[in-house]
């Protein structure tokens, strides 16, 4: 979205630059508008550079997030397996009531 906005503003700035160049061409000395246009062009280039740096950083962050997500899935699966094993390795139940509860749980 930032890149789209920058492209739109760049088009407007280019048109402004052309208009100022035509106006300055009619006059003998460059005006304040052409100096301000040059400053705006420098600012635009700086913003474009910052956007590119942001894009690079975001891609690196996305790659790290994918690695984290994969590791999280593996750990979650291991924990589920561990909990299942713990549940299956409970000591044998001796009371009739406990056996009934275990049958209900298994059903």
C-alpha atoms as a PDB file:
ATOM      1  CA  UNK A   1       0.000   0.000   0.000  1.00  0.00           C
ATOM      2  CA  UNK A   2       2.860   2.336   0.838  1.00  0.00           C
ATOM      3  CA  UNK A   3       4.451   1.617  -2.512  1.00  0.00           C
ATOM      4  CA  UNK A   4       1.184   2.361  -4.319  1.00  0.00           C
ATOM      5  CA  UNK A   5       0.805   5.649  -2.466  1.00  0.00           C
ATOM      6  CA  UNK A   6       4.414   6.547  -3.211  1.00  0.00           C
ATOM      7  CA  UNK A   7       3.919   5.770  -6.911  1.00  0.00           C
ATOM      8  CA  UNK A   8       0.837   8.007  -7.033  1.00  0.00           C
ATOM      9  CA  UNK A   9       2.640  10.829  -5.255  1.00  0.00           C
ATOM     10  CA  UNK A  10       5.639  10.361  -7.555  1.00  0.00           C
ATOM     11  CA  UNK A  11       3.426  10.859 -10.602  1.00  0.00           C
ATOM     12  CA  UNK A  12       2.020  14.051  -9.100  1.00  0.00           C
ATOM     13  CA  UNK A  13       5.528  15.234  -8.251  1.00  0.00           C
ATOM     14  CA  UNK A  14       6.756  14.497 -11.788  1.00  0.00           C
ATOM     15  CA  UNK A  15       3.883  16.516 -13.244  1.00  0.00           C
ATOM     16  CA  UNK A  16       4.650  19.349 -10.843  1.00  0.00           C
ATOM     17  CA  UNK A  17       8.300  19.174 -11.818  1.00  0.00           C
ATOM     18  CA  UNK A  18       7.397  19.463 -15.520  1.00  0.00           C
ATOM     19  CA  UNK A  19       5.095  22.414 -14.845  1.00  0.00           C
ATOM     20  CA  UNK A  20       7.746  24.177 -12.778  1.00  0.00           C
ATOM     21  CA  UNK A  21      10.362  23.503 -15.477  1.00  0.00           C
ATOM     22  CA  UNK A  22       8.096  25.041 -18.100  1.00  0.00           C
ATOM     23  CA  UNK A  23       7.446  28.062 -15.895  1.00  0.00           C
ATOM     24  CA  UNK A  24      11.138  28.448 -15.034  1.00  0.00           C
ATOM     25  CA  UNK A  25      11.990  28.066 -18.717  1.00  0.00           C
ATOM     26  CA  UNK A  26       9.917  31.153 -19.425  1.00  0.00           C
ATOM     27  CA  UNK A  27      11.688  33.071 -16.660  1.00  0.00           C
ATOM     28  CA  UNK A  28      15.424  33.644 -16.524  1.00  0.00           C
ATOM     29  CA  UNK A  29      16.105  32.515 -12.923  1.00  0.00           C
ATOM     30  CA  UNK A  30      14.973  29.349 -11.179  1.00  0.00           C
ATOM     31  CA  UNK A  31      12.286  30.093  -8.613  1.00  0.00           C
ATOM     32  CA  UNK A  32      11.599  28.811  -5.141  1.00  0.00           C
ATOM     33  CA  UNK A  33       9.137  26.318  -6.585  1.00  0.00           C
ATOM     34  CA  UNK A  34      11.857  24.498  -8.537  1.00  0.00           C
ATOM     35  CA  UNK A  35      14.084  24.380  -5.452  1.00  0.00           C
ATOM     36  CA  UNK A  36      11.208  22.995  -3.380  1.00  0.00           C
ATOM     37  CA  UNK A  37      10.476  20.444  -6.111  1.00  0.00           C
ATOM     38  CA  UNK A  38      14.087  19.254  -5.943  1.00  0.00           C
ATOM     39  CA  UNK A  39      13.749  18.858  -2.162  1.00  0.00           C
ATOM     40  CA  UNK A  40      10.549  16.865  -2.639  1.00  0.00           C
ATOM     41  CA  UNK A  41      12.295  14.597  -5.146  1.00  0.00           C
ATOM     42  CA  UNK A  42      15.069  13.932  -2.635  1.00  0.00           C
ATOM     43  CA  UNK A  43      12.489  13.180   0.049  1.00  0.00           C
ATOM     44  CA  UNK A  44      10.672  10.823  -2.339  1.00  0.00           C
ATOM     45  CA  UNK A  45      13.906   8.949  -3.048  1.00  0.00           C
ATOM     46  CA  UNK A  46      14.588   8.695   0.683  1.00  0.00           C
ATOM     47  CA  UNK A  47      11.097   7.314   1.338  1.00  0.00           C
ATOM     48  CA  UNK A  48      11.490   4.817  -1.531  1.00  0.00           C
ATOM     49  CA  UNK A  49      14.753   3.646   0.032  1.00  0.00           C
ATOM     50  CA  UNK A  50      13.116   3.282   3.439  1.00  0.00           C
ATOM     51  CA  UNK A  51      10.265   1.285   1.916  1.00  0.00           C
ATOM     52  CA  UNK A  52      12.754  -1.068   0.291  1.00  0.00           C
ATOM     53  CA  UNK A  53      14.548  -1.538   3.615  1.00  0.00           C
ATOM     54  CA  UNK A  54      11.201  -2.173   5.296  1.00  0.00           C
ATOM     55  CA  UNK A  55      10.300  -4.752   2.652  1.00  0.00           C
ATOM     56  CA  UNK A  56      13.602  -6.560   3.211  1.00  0.00           C
ATOM     57  CA  UNK A  57      13.099  -6.543   6.986  1.00  0.00           C
ATOM     58  CA  UNK A  58       9.524  -7.774   6.674  1.00  0.00           C
ATOM     59  CA  UNK A  59      10.603 -10.646   4.424  1.00  0.00           C
ATOM     60  CA  UNK A  60      13.221 -11.693   6.985  1.00  0.00           C
ATOM     61  CA  UNK A  61      10.639 -11.480   9.774  1.00  0.00           C
ATOM     62  CA  UNK A  62       8.186 -13.547   7.740  1.00  0.00           C
ATOM     63  CA  UNK A  63      10.846 -16.213   7.189  1.00  0.00           C
ATOM     64  CA  UNK A  64      11.577 -16.329  10.927  1.00  0.00           C
ATOM     65  CA  UNK A  65       7.868 -16.529  11.687  1.00  0.00           C
ATOM     66  CA  UNK A  66       7.472 -19.500   9.334  1.00  0.00           C
ATOM     67  CA  UNK A  67      10.316 -21.286  11.114  1.00  0.00           C
ATOM     68  CA  UNK A  68       8.721 -20.511  14.476  1.00  0.00           C
ATOM     69  CA  UNK A  69       5.341 -21.775  13.288  1.00  0.00           C
ATOM     70  CA  UNK A  70       6.847 -25.054  12.083  1.00  0.00           C
ATOM     71  CA  UNK A  71       8.737 -25.537  15.357  1.00  0.00           C
ATOM     72  CA  UNK A  72       5.593 -24.720  17.335  1.00  0.00           C
ATOM     73  CA  UNK A  73       3.661 -27.379  15.428  1.00  0.00           C
ATOM     74  CA  UNK A  74       6.323 -29.982  16.137  1.00  0.00           C
ATOM     75  CA  UNK A  75       6.472 -29.106  19.840  1.00  0.00           C
ATOM     76  CA  UNK A  76       2.695 -29.151  20.105  1.00  0.00           C
ATOM     77  CA  UNK A  77       2.596 -32.629  18.550  1.00  0.00           C
ATOM     78  CA  UNK A  78       5.300 -33.871  20.930  1.00  0.00           C
ATOM     79  CA  UNK A  79       3.411 -32.530  23.942  1.00  0.00           C
ATOM     80  CA  UNK A  80       0.217 -34.227  22.773  1.00  0.00           C
ATOM     81  CA  UNK A  81       2.068 -37.531  22.395  1.00  0.00           C
ATOM     82  CA  UNK A  82       3.690 -37.099  25.798  1.00  0.00           C
ATOM     83  CA  UNK A  83       0.346 -36.400  27.483  1.00  0.00           C
ATOM     84  CA  UNK A  84      -1.157 -39.455  25.797  1.00  0.00           C
ATOM     85  CA  UNK A  85       1.714 -41.635  27.025  1.00  0.00           C
ATOM     86  CA  UNK A  86       1.400 -40.254  30.563  1.00  0.00           C
ATOM     87  CA  UNK A  87      -2.321 -40.970  30.485  1.00  0.00           C
ATOM     88  CA  UNK A  88      -1.734 -44.545  29.298  1.00  0.00           C
ATOM     89  CA  UNK A  89       0.974 -45.233  31.865  1.00  0.00           C
ATOM     90  CA  UNK A  90      -1.152 -44.520  34.913  1.00  0.00           C
ATOM     91  CA  UNK A  91      -0.870 -47.145  37.636  1.00  0.00           C
ATOM     92  CA  UNK A  92      -3.466 -49.857  37.553  1.00  0.00           C
ATOM     93  CA  UNK A  93      -6.708 -49.049  39.339  1.00  0.00           C
ATOM     94  CA  UNK A  94      -7.772 -51.304  42.185  1.00  0.00           C
ATOM     95  CA  UNK A  95     -11.164 -50.050  43.289  1.00  0.00           C
ATOM     96  CA  UNK A  96     -14.421 -50.970  41.547  1.00  0.00           C
ATOM     97  CA  UNK A  97     -15.509 -47.319  41.393  1.00  0.00           C
ATOM     98  CA  UNK A  98     -12.242 -46.294  39.732  1.00  0.00           C
ATOM     99  CA  UNK A  99     -12.648 -49.111  37.178  1.00  0.00           C
ATOM    100  CA  UNK A 100     -16.178 -47.916  36.377  1.00  0.00           C
ATOM    101  CA  UNK A 101     -14.864 -44.371  35.871  1.00  0.00           C
ATOM    102  CA  UNK A 102     -12.110 -45.651  33.597  1.00  0.00           C
ATOM    103  CA  UNK A 103     -14.649 -47.626  31.537  1.00  0.00           C
ATOM    104  CA  UNK A 104     -16.789 -44.487  31.182  1.00  0.00           C
ATOM    105  CA  UNK A 105     -13.729 -42.522  30.121  1.00  0.00           C
ATOM    106  CA  UNK A 106     -12.774 -45.108  27.516  1.00  0.00           C
ATOM    107  CA  UNK A 107     -16.330 -45.273  26.189  1.00  0.00           C
END
